[in-house]
């Protein structure tokens, strides 16, 4: 059984670092590479960070119902293709999605059993510091991200888990613990439990 892990966070909260760490430490996880219409940034690699397509192609795929979820953020589309879930299921792996609050809400409606995790920065000041240290965005973009973060953070109650990212090492351990705990929930263990229960069934009495 494949468990879908939804991870959301305001930009600059350290989400990408945490996701990279847990993927590197757990071969039973597969990362869902989202489709987007925005251009690559910095050291992003097509097919690894995102699958980059045109707006027309995205809208065509959207009309064909190819996405489990999608959102428009800062004028660009982002979406999760249905095929990535089928691939994870065929490989017997769990799936991690790095998506925003809009996409997470859609996905939970379609897959209520998905496990959602919201990553919080310790404070606004630390979030601003992290955004500036990346040296990727203009001042107006940083201010917009901070305003958007205030709105995103208010949605934390929609998530199953909330993780405050004070220190990346501690947060990585917490994220790993969440994944391990979800893997031993009863719904995940049914296929293992059933044979044990059958072993306790009374055997038919001998005819002789």
C-alpha atoms as a PDB file:
ATOM      1  CA  UNK A   1       0.000   0.000   0.000  1.00  0.00           C
ATOM      2  CA  UNK A   2       1.279   3.438  -0.947  1.00  0.00           C
ATOM      3  CA  UNK A   3       0.955   6.293   1.539  1.00  0.00           C
ATOM      4  CA  UNK A   4       0.942   9.798   0.091  1.00  0.00           C
ATOM      5  CA  UNK A   5       2.766  12.383   2.223  1.00  0.00           C
ATOM      6  CA  UNK A   6       1.836  16.005   1.513  1.00  0.00           C
ATOM      7  CA  UNK A   7       4.393  18.548   2.683  1.00  0.00           C
ATOM      8  CA  UNK A   8       3.631  22.272   2.593  1.00  0.00           C
ATOM      9  CA  UNK A   9       5.397  25.346   3.936  1.00  0.00           C
ATOM     10  CA  UNK A  10       5.899  29.025   3.231  1.00  0.00           C
ATOM     11  CA  UNK A  11       8.761  29.709   0.846  1.00  0.00           C
ATOM     12  CA  UNK A  12      12.020  29.892   2.826  1.00  0.00           C
ATOM     13  CA  UNK A  13      10.930  27.566   5.636  1.00  0.00           C
ATOM     14  CA  UNK A  14      13.503  24.912   4.745  1.00  0.00           C
ATOM     15  CA  UNK A  15      11.030  22.488   3.209  1.00  0.00           C
ATOM     16  CA  UNK A  16      13.188  21.558   0.217  1.00  0.00           C
ATOM     17  CA  UNK A  17      16.178  20.763   2.441  1.00  0.00           C
ATOM     18  CA  UNK A  18      14.087  18.522   4.703  1.00  0.00           C
ATOM     19  CA  UNK A  19      12.515  16.706   1.759  1.00  0.00           C
ATOM     20  CA  UNK A  20      15.932  16.132   0.172  1.00  0.00           C
ATOM     21  CA  UNK A  21      17.302  14.721   3.416  1.00  0.00           C
ATOM     22  CA  UNK A  22      14.476  12.293   4.040  1.00  0.00           C
ATOM     23  CA  UNK A  23      14.516  11.072   0.437  1.00  0.00           C
ATOM     24  CA  UNK A  24      18.253  10.407   0.688  1.00  0.00           C
ATOM     25  CA  UNK A  25      17.774   8.407   3.898  1.00  0.00           C
ATOM     26  CA  UNK A  26      14.722   6.331   2.912  1.00  0.00           C
ATOM     27  CA  UNK A  27      14.742   4.200  -0.272  1.00  0.00           C
ATOM     28  CA  UNK A  28      11.072   3.407   0.289  1.00  0.00           C
ATOM     29  CA  UNK A  29      10.102   6.958  -0.646  1.00  0.00           C
ATOM     30  CA  UNK A  30       9.586   8.424  -4.085  1.00  0.00           C
ATOM     31  CA  UNK A  31       9.434  12.153  -4.792  1.00  0.00           C
ATOM     32  CA  UNK A  32       6.634  13.522  -6.919  1.00  0.00           C
ATOM     33  CA  UNK A  33       8.162  15.921  -9.444  1.00  0.00           C
ATOM     34  CA  UNK A  34       5.567  18.601 -10.130  1.00  0.00           C
ATOM     35  CA  UNK A  35       4.788  20.155 -13.482  1.00  0.00           C
ATOM     36  CA  UNK A  36       5.124  23.932 -13.737  1.00  0.00           C
ATOM     37  CA  UNK A  37       4.890  26.698 -16.293  1.00  0.00           C
ATOM     38  CA  UNK A  38       7.544  28.872 -14.652  1.00  0.00           C
ATOM     39  CA  UNK A  39      11.151  29.052 -15.809  1.00  0.00           C
ATOM     40  CA  UNK A  40      13.931  27.160 -13.977  1.00  0.00           C
ATOM     41  CA  UNK A  41      15.741  29.036 -11.200  1.00  0.00           C
ATOM     42  CA  UNK A  42      19.335  28.851 -10.042  1.00  0.00           C
ATOM     43  CA  UNK A  43      20.600  25.263 -10.044  1.00  0.00           C
ATOM     44  CA  UNK A  44      17.224  23.634 -10.756  1.00  0.00           C
ATOM     45  CA  UNK A  45      17.374  20.764 -13.227  1.00  0.00           C
ATOM     46  CA  UNK A  46      14.492  19.818 -15.540  1.00  0.00           C
ATOM     47  CA  UNK A  47      12.991  16.499 -14.518  1.00  0.00           C
ATOM     48  CA  UNK A  48      14.486  16.682 -11.012  1.00  0.00           C
ATOM     49  CA  UNK A  49      13.242  19.945  -9.534  1.00  0.00           C
ATOM     50  CA  UNK A  50      10.222  20.340 -11.816  1.00  0.00           C
ATOM     51  CA  UNK A  51       8.962  19.268 -15.209  1.00  0.00           C
ATOM     52  CA  UNK A  52       8.832  22.540 -17.145  1.00  0.00           C
ATOM     53  CA  UNK A  53       6.091  22.924 -19.751  1.00  0.00           C
ATOM     54  CA  UNK A  54       4.328  25.780 -21.507  1.00  0.00           C
ATOM     55  CA  UNK A  55       1.140  27.311 -20.213  1.00  0.00           C
ATOM     56  CA  UNK A  56      -0.763  25.993 -23.255  1.00  0.00           C
ATOM     57  CA  UNK A  57       0.475  22.447 -22.610  1.00  0.00           C
ATOM     58  CA  UNK A  58      -0.421  22.670 -18.927  1.00  0.00           C
ATOM     59  CA  UNK A  59      -3.943  23.847 -19.718  1.00  0.00           C
ATOM     60  CA  UNK A  60      -4.302  21.052 -22.276  1.00  0.00           C
ATOM     61  CA  UNK A  61      -3.275  18.461 -19.675  1.00  0.00           C
ATOM     62  CA  UNK A  62      -5.620  20.093 -17.179  1.00  0.00           C
ATOM     63  CA  UNK A  63      -8.527  19.783 -19.622  1.00  0.00           C
ATOM     64  CA  UNK A  64      -7.659  16.080 -19.995  1.00  0.00           C
ATOM     65  CA  UNK A  65      -7.874  15.597 -16.197  1.00  0.00           C
ATOM     66  CA  UNK A  66      -4.226  14.512 -15.954  1.00  0.00           C
ATOM     67  CA  UNK A  67      -3.570  16.256 -12.616  1.00  0.00           C
ATOM     68  CA  UNK A  68      -4.388  15.053  -9.120  1.00  0.00           C
ATOM     69  CA  UNK A  69      -4.108  18.667  -8.000  1.00  0.00           C
ATOM     70  CA  UNK A  70      -3.040  21.977  -9.443  1.00  0.00           C
ATOM     71  CA  UNK A  71      -2.647  25.579  -8.359  1.00  0.00           C
ATOM     72  CA  UNK A  72      -1.747  28.930  -9.853  1.00  0.00           C
ATOM     73  CA  UNK A  73       0.899  30.720  -7.790  1.00  0.00           C
ATOM     74  CA  UNK A  74       2.452  34.079  -8.678  1.00  0.00           C
ATOM     75  CA  UNK A  75       1.026  33.752 -12.199  1.00  0.00           C
ATOM     76  CA  UNK A  76       2.420  30.265 -12.848  1.00  0.00           C
ATOM     77  CA  UNK A  77       0.735  26.875 -12.817  1.00  0.00           C
ATOM     78  CA  UNK A  78       1.916  23.943 -10.696  1.00  0.00           C
ATOM     79  CA  UNK A  79       0.421  20.460 -10.737  1.00  0.00           C
ATOM     80  CA  UNK A  80       0.835  16.799  -9.778  1.00  0.00           C
ATOM     81  CA  UNK A  81       0.329  14.294 -12.582  1.00  0.00           C
ATOM     82  CA  UNK A  82      -1.800  11.244 -11.749  1.00  0.00           C
ATOM     83  CA  UNK A  83       0.788   8.955 -13.325  1.00  0.00           C
ATOM     84  CA  UNK A  84       3.347   9.548 -10.555  1.00  0.00           C
ATOM     85  CA  UNK A  85       0.988   7.972  -8.003  1.00  0.00           C
ATOM     86  CA  UNK A  86       0.456   4.923 -10.223  1.00  0.00           C
ATOM     87  CA  UNK A  87       4.222   4.560 -10.612  1.00  0.00           C
ATOM     88  CA  UNK A  88       4.771   4.700  -6.837  1.00  0.00           C
ATOM     89  CA  UNK A  89       2.051   2.091  -6.309  1.00  0.00           C
ATOM     90  CA  UNK A  90       3.590  -0.242  -8.886  1.00  0.00           C
ATOM     91  CA  UNK A  91       7.001   0.110  -7.185  1.00  0.00           C
ATOM     92  CA  UNK A  92       5.566  -0.440  -3.688  1.00  0.00           C
ATOM     93  CA  UNK A  93       6.871   2.942  -2.529  1.00  0.00           C
ATOM     94  CA  UNK A  94       5.385   5.817  -0.579  1.00  0.00           C
ATOM     95  CA  UNK A  95       5.058   9.156  -2.310  1.00  0.00           C
ATOM     96  CA  UNK A  96       6.166  12.589  -1.088  1.00  0.00           C
ATOM     97  CA  UNK A  97       4.554  15.679  -2.583  1.00  0.00           C
ATOM     98  CA  UNK A  98       5.997  19.148  -2.060  1.00  0.00           C
ATOM     99  CA  UNK A  99       2.944  21.313  -2.768  1.00  0.00           C
ATOM    100  CA  UNK A 100       1.341  24.511  -1.553  1.00  0.00           C
ATOM    101  CA  UNK A 101      -1.772  24.997   0.566  1.00  0.00           C
ATOM    102  CA  UNK A 102      -4.104  25.183  -2.459  1.00  0.00           C
ATOM    103  CA  UNK A 103      -2.827  21.937  -3.901  1.00  0.00           C
ATOM    104  CA  UNK A 104      -2.818  20.215  -0.513  1.00  0.00           C
ATOM    105  CA  UNK A 105      -6.477  21.076   0.020  1.00  0.00           C
ATOM    106  CA  UNK A 106      -7.424  19.632  -3.381  1.00  0.00           C
ATOM    107  CA  UNK A 107      -5.420  16.480  -2.838  1.00  0.00           C
ATOM    108  CA  UNK A 108      -6.911  15.822   0.601  1.00  0.00           C
ATOM    109  CA  UNK A 109     -10.360  16.058  -0.962  1.00  0.00           C
ATOM    110  CA  UNK A 110      -9.413  13.438  -3.565  1.00  0.00           C
ATOM    111  CA  UNK A 111      -7.245  11.308  -1.253  1.00  0.00           C
ATOM    112  CA  UNK A 112      -8.542  11.749   2.317  1.00  0.00           C
ATOM    113  CA  UNK A 113      -6.118   9.084   3.542  1.00  0.00           C
ATOM    114  CA  UNK A 114      -3.105  11.174   2.488  1.00  0.00           C
ATOM    115  CA  UNK A 115      -0.900  12.355   5.379  1.00  0.00           C
ATOM    116  CA  UNK A 116      -0.382  16.119   5.463  1.00  0.00           C
ATOM    117  CA  UNK A 117       2.532  17.880   7.157  1.00  0.00           C
ATOM    118  CA  UNK A 118       2.940  21.644   7.500  1.00  0.00           C
ATOM    119  CA  UNK A 119       6.413  23.068   8.140  1.00  0.00           C
ATOM    120  CA  UNK A 120       6.576  26.351  10.033  1.00  0.00           C
ATOM    121  CA  UNK A 121       9.488  28.772  10.393  1.00  0.00           C
ATOM    122  CA  UNK A 122      10.258  29.673  14.034  1.00  0.00           C
ATOM    123  CA  UNK A 123       9.288  33.321  13.430  1.00  0.00           C
ATOM    124  CA  UNK A 124       8.685  35.945  10.753  1.00  0.00           C
ATOM    125  CA  UNK A 125      12.138  37.433  11.349  1.00  0.00           C
ATOM    126  CA  UNK A 126      13.864  34.096  10.794  1.00  0.00           C
ATOM    127  CA  UNK A 127      11.798  33.463   7.660  1.00  0.00           C
ATOM    128  CA  UNK A 128      12.820  36.861   6.272  1.00  0.00           C
ATOM    129  CA  UNK A 129      16.451  36.145   7.115  1.00  0.00           C
ATOM    130  CA  UNK A 130      16.306  32.816   5.269  1.00  0.00           C
ATOM    131  CA  UNK A 131      14.670  34.385   2.220  1.00  0.00           C
ATOM    132  CA  UNK A 132      17.347  37.072   2.045  1.00  0.00           C
ATOM    133  CA  UNK A 133      20.203  34.606   2.541  1.00  0.00           C
ATOM    134  CA  UNK A 134      19.161  32.749  -0.626  1.00  0.00           C
ATOM    135  CA  UNK A 135      19.973  35.886  -2.679  1.00  0.00           C
ATOM    136  CA  UNK A 136      17.490  34.747  -5.319  1.00  0.00           C
ATOM    137  CA  UNK A 137      14.677  37.292  -5.088  1.00  0.00           C
ATOM    138  CA  UNK A 138      14.231  41.014  -5.525  1.00  0.00           C
ATOM    139  CA  UNK A 139      13.020  43.049  -2.550  1.00  0.00           C
ATOM    140  CA  UNK A 140       9.440  43.228  -3.830  1.00  0.00           C
ATOM    141  CA  UNK A 141       9.379  39.421  -4.229  1.00  0.00           C
ATOM    142  CA  UNK A 142      10.670  38.924  -0.674  1.00  0.00           C
ATOM    143  CA  UNK A 143       7.965  41.217   0.703  1.00  0.00           C
ATOM    144  CA  UNK A 144       5.307  39.386  -1.313  1.00  0.00           C
ATOM    145  CA  UNK A 145       6.525  36.023  -0.025  1.00  0.00           C
ATOM    146  CA  UNK A 146       6.346  37.300   3.551  1.00  0.00           C
ATOM    147  CA  UNK A 147       2.777  38.536   3.029  1.00  0.00           C
ATOM    148  CA  UNK A 148       1.774  35.232   1.454  1.00  0.00           C
ATOM    149  CA  UNK A 149       3.442  33.316   4.289  1.00  0.00           C
ATOM    150  CA  UNK A 150       1.173  35.043   6.798  1.00  0.00           C
ATOM    151  CA  UNK A 151      -1.859  33.734   4.931  1.00  0.00           C
ATOM    152  CA  UNK A 152      -0.460  30.236   4.387  1.00  0.00           C
ATOM    153  CA  UNK A 153       0.470  29.777   8.039  1.00  0.00           C
ATOM    154  CA  UNK A 154      -3.135  30.395   9.097  1.00  0.00           C
ATOM    155  CA  UNK A 155      -4.065  27.145   7.331  1.00  0.00           C
ATOM    156  CA  UNK A 156      -1.932  24.996   9.627  1.00  0.00           C
ATOM    157  CA  UNK A 157      -4.992  23.466  11.304  1.00  0.00           C
ATOM    158  CA  UNK A 158      -5.922  21.729   8.046  1.00  0.00           C
ATOM    159  CA  UNK A 159      -2.824  19.528   8.370  1.00  0.00           C
ATOM    160  CA  UNK A 160      -2.326  16.277  10.271  1.00  0.00           C
ATOM    161  CA  UNK A 161       1.097  17.307  11.591  1.00  0.00           C
ATOM    162  CA  UNK A 162       2.843  20.625  12.205  1.00  0.00           C
ATOM    163  CA  UNK A 163       6.639  20.741  12.342  1.00  0.00           C
ATOM    164  CA  UNK A 164       8.452  23.899  13.494  1.00  0.00           C
ATOM    165  CA  UNK A 165      11.804  23.966  11.717  1.00  0.00           C
ATOM    166  CA  UNK A 166      14.150  25.376  14.383  1.00  0.00           C
ATOM    167  CA  UNK A 167      17.117  23.165  13.461  1.00  0.00           C
ATOM    168  CA  UNK A 168      17.318  21.150  10.286  1.00  0.00           C
ATOM    169  CA  UNK A 169      18.856  18.068  11.965  1.00  0.00           C
ATOM    170  CA  UNK A 170      16.104  17.875  14.583  1.00  0.00           C
ATOM    171  CA  UNK A 171      13.403  18.551  12.004  1.00  0.00           C
ATOM    172  CA  UNK A 172      14.747  15.798   9.752  1.00  0.00           C
ATOM    173  CA  UNK A 173      14.502  13.312  12.623  1.00  0.00           C
ATOM    174  CA  UNK A 174      10.949  14.432  13.365  1.00  0.00           C
ATOM    175  CA  UNK A 175       9.938  14.038   9.725  1.00  0.00           C
ATOM    176  CA  UNK A 176      11.474  10.571   9.618  1.00  0.00           C
ATOM    177  CA  UNK A 177       9.534   9.656  12.774  1.00  0.00           C
ATOM    178  CA  UNK A 178       6.255  10.763  11.195  1.00  0.00           C
ATOM    179  CA  UNK A 179       6.886   8.581   8.146  1.00  0.00           C
ATOM    180  CA  UNK A 180       7.777   5.566  10.299  1.00  0.00           C
ATOM    181  CA  UNK A 181       4.722   6.045  12.517  1.00  0.00           C
ATOM    182  CA  UNK A 182       2.365   6.253   9.548  1.00  0.00           C
ATOM    183  CA  UNK A 183       3.799   3.044   8.131  1.00  0.00           C
ATOM    184  CA  UNK A 184       2.715   1.064  11.192  1.00  0.00           C
ATOM    185  CA  UNK A 185      -0.812   2.455  11.396  1.00  0.00           C
ATOM    186  CA  UNK A 186      -3.490  -0.236  11.330  1.00  0.00           C
ATOM    187  CA  UNK A 187      -4.637   0.629   7.803  1.00  0.00           C
ATOM    188  CA  UNK A 188      -1.109   0.039   6.525  1.00  0.00           C
ATOM    189  CA  UNK A 189      -0.711  -3.193   8.476  1.00  0.00           C
ATOM    190  CA  UNK A 190      -3.936  -4.936   7.424  1.00  0.00           C
ATOM    191  CA  UNK A 191      -2.228  -7.221   4.918  1.00  0.00           C
ATOM    192  CA  UNK A 192       0.208  -8.346   7.624  1.00  0.00           C
ATOM    193  CA  UNK A 193      -2.406  -8.645  10.364  1.00  0.00           C
ATOM    194  CA  UNK A 194      -4.860 -10.821   8.449  1.00  0.00           C
ATOM    195  CA  UNK A 195      -2.569 -13.899   8.198  1.00  0.00           C
ATOM    196  CA  UNK A 196      -1.857 -13.636  11.938  1.00  0.00           C
ATOM    197  CA  UNK A 197      -5.571 -13.572  12.726  1.00  0.00           C
ATOM    198  CA  UNK A 198      -6.173 -16.560  10.466  1.00  0.00           C
ATOM    199  CA  UNK A 199      -3.502 -18.502  12.332  1.00  0.00           C
ATOM    200  CA  UNK A 200      -5.636 -18.217  15.492  1.00  0.00           C
ATOM    201  CA  UNK A 201      -8.804 -19.505  13.838  1.00  0.00           C
ATOM    202  CA  UNK A 202      -9.882 -22.865  15.336  1.00  0.00           C
ATOM    203  CA  UNK A 203      -9.015 -25.700  13.032  1.00  0.00           C
ATOM    204  CA  UNK A 204     -11.799 -27.989  11.809  1.00  0.00           C
ATOM    205  CA  UNK A 205     -12.230 -31.000  14.075  1.00  0.00           C
ATOM    206  CA  UNK A 206     -10.904 -34.277  12.719  1.00  0.00           C
ATOM    207  CA  UNK A 207     -13.497 -36.609  11.229  1.00  0.00           C
ATOM    208  CA  UNK A 208     -11.790 -39.620  12.825  1.00  0.00           C
END
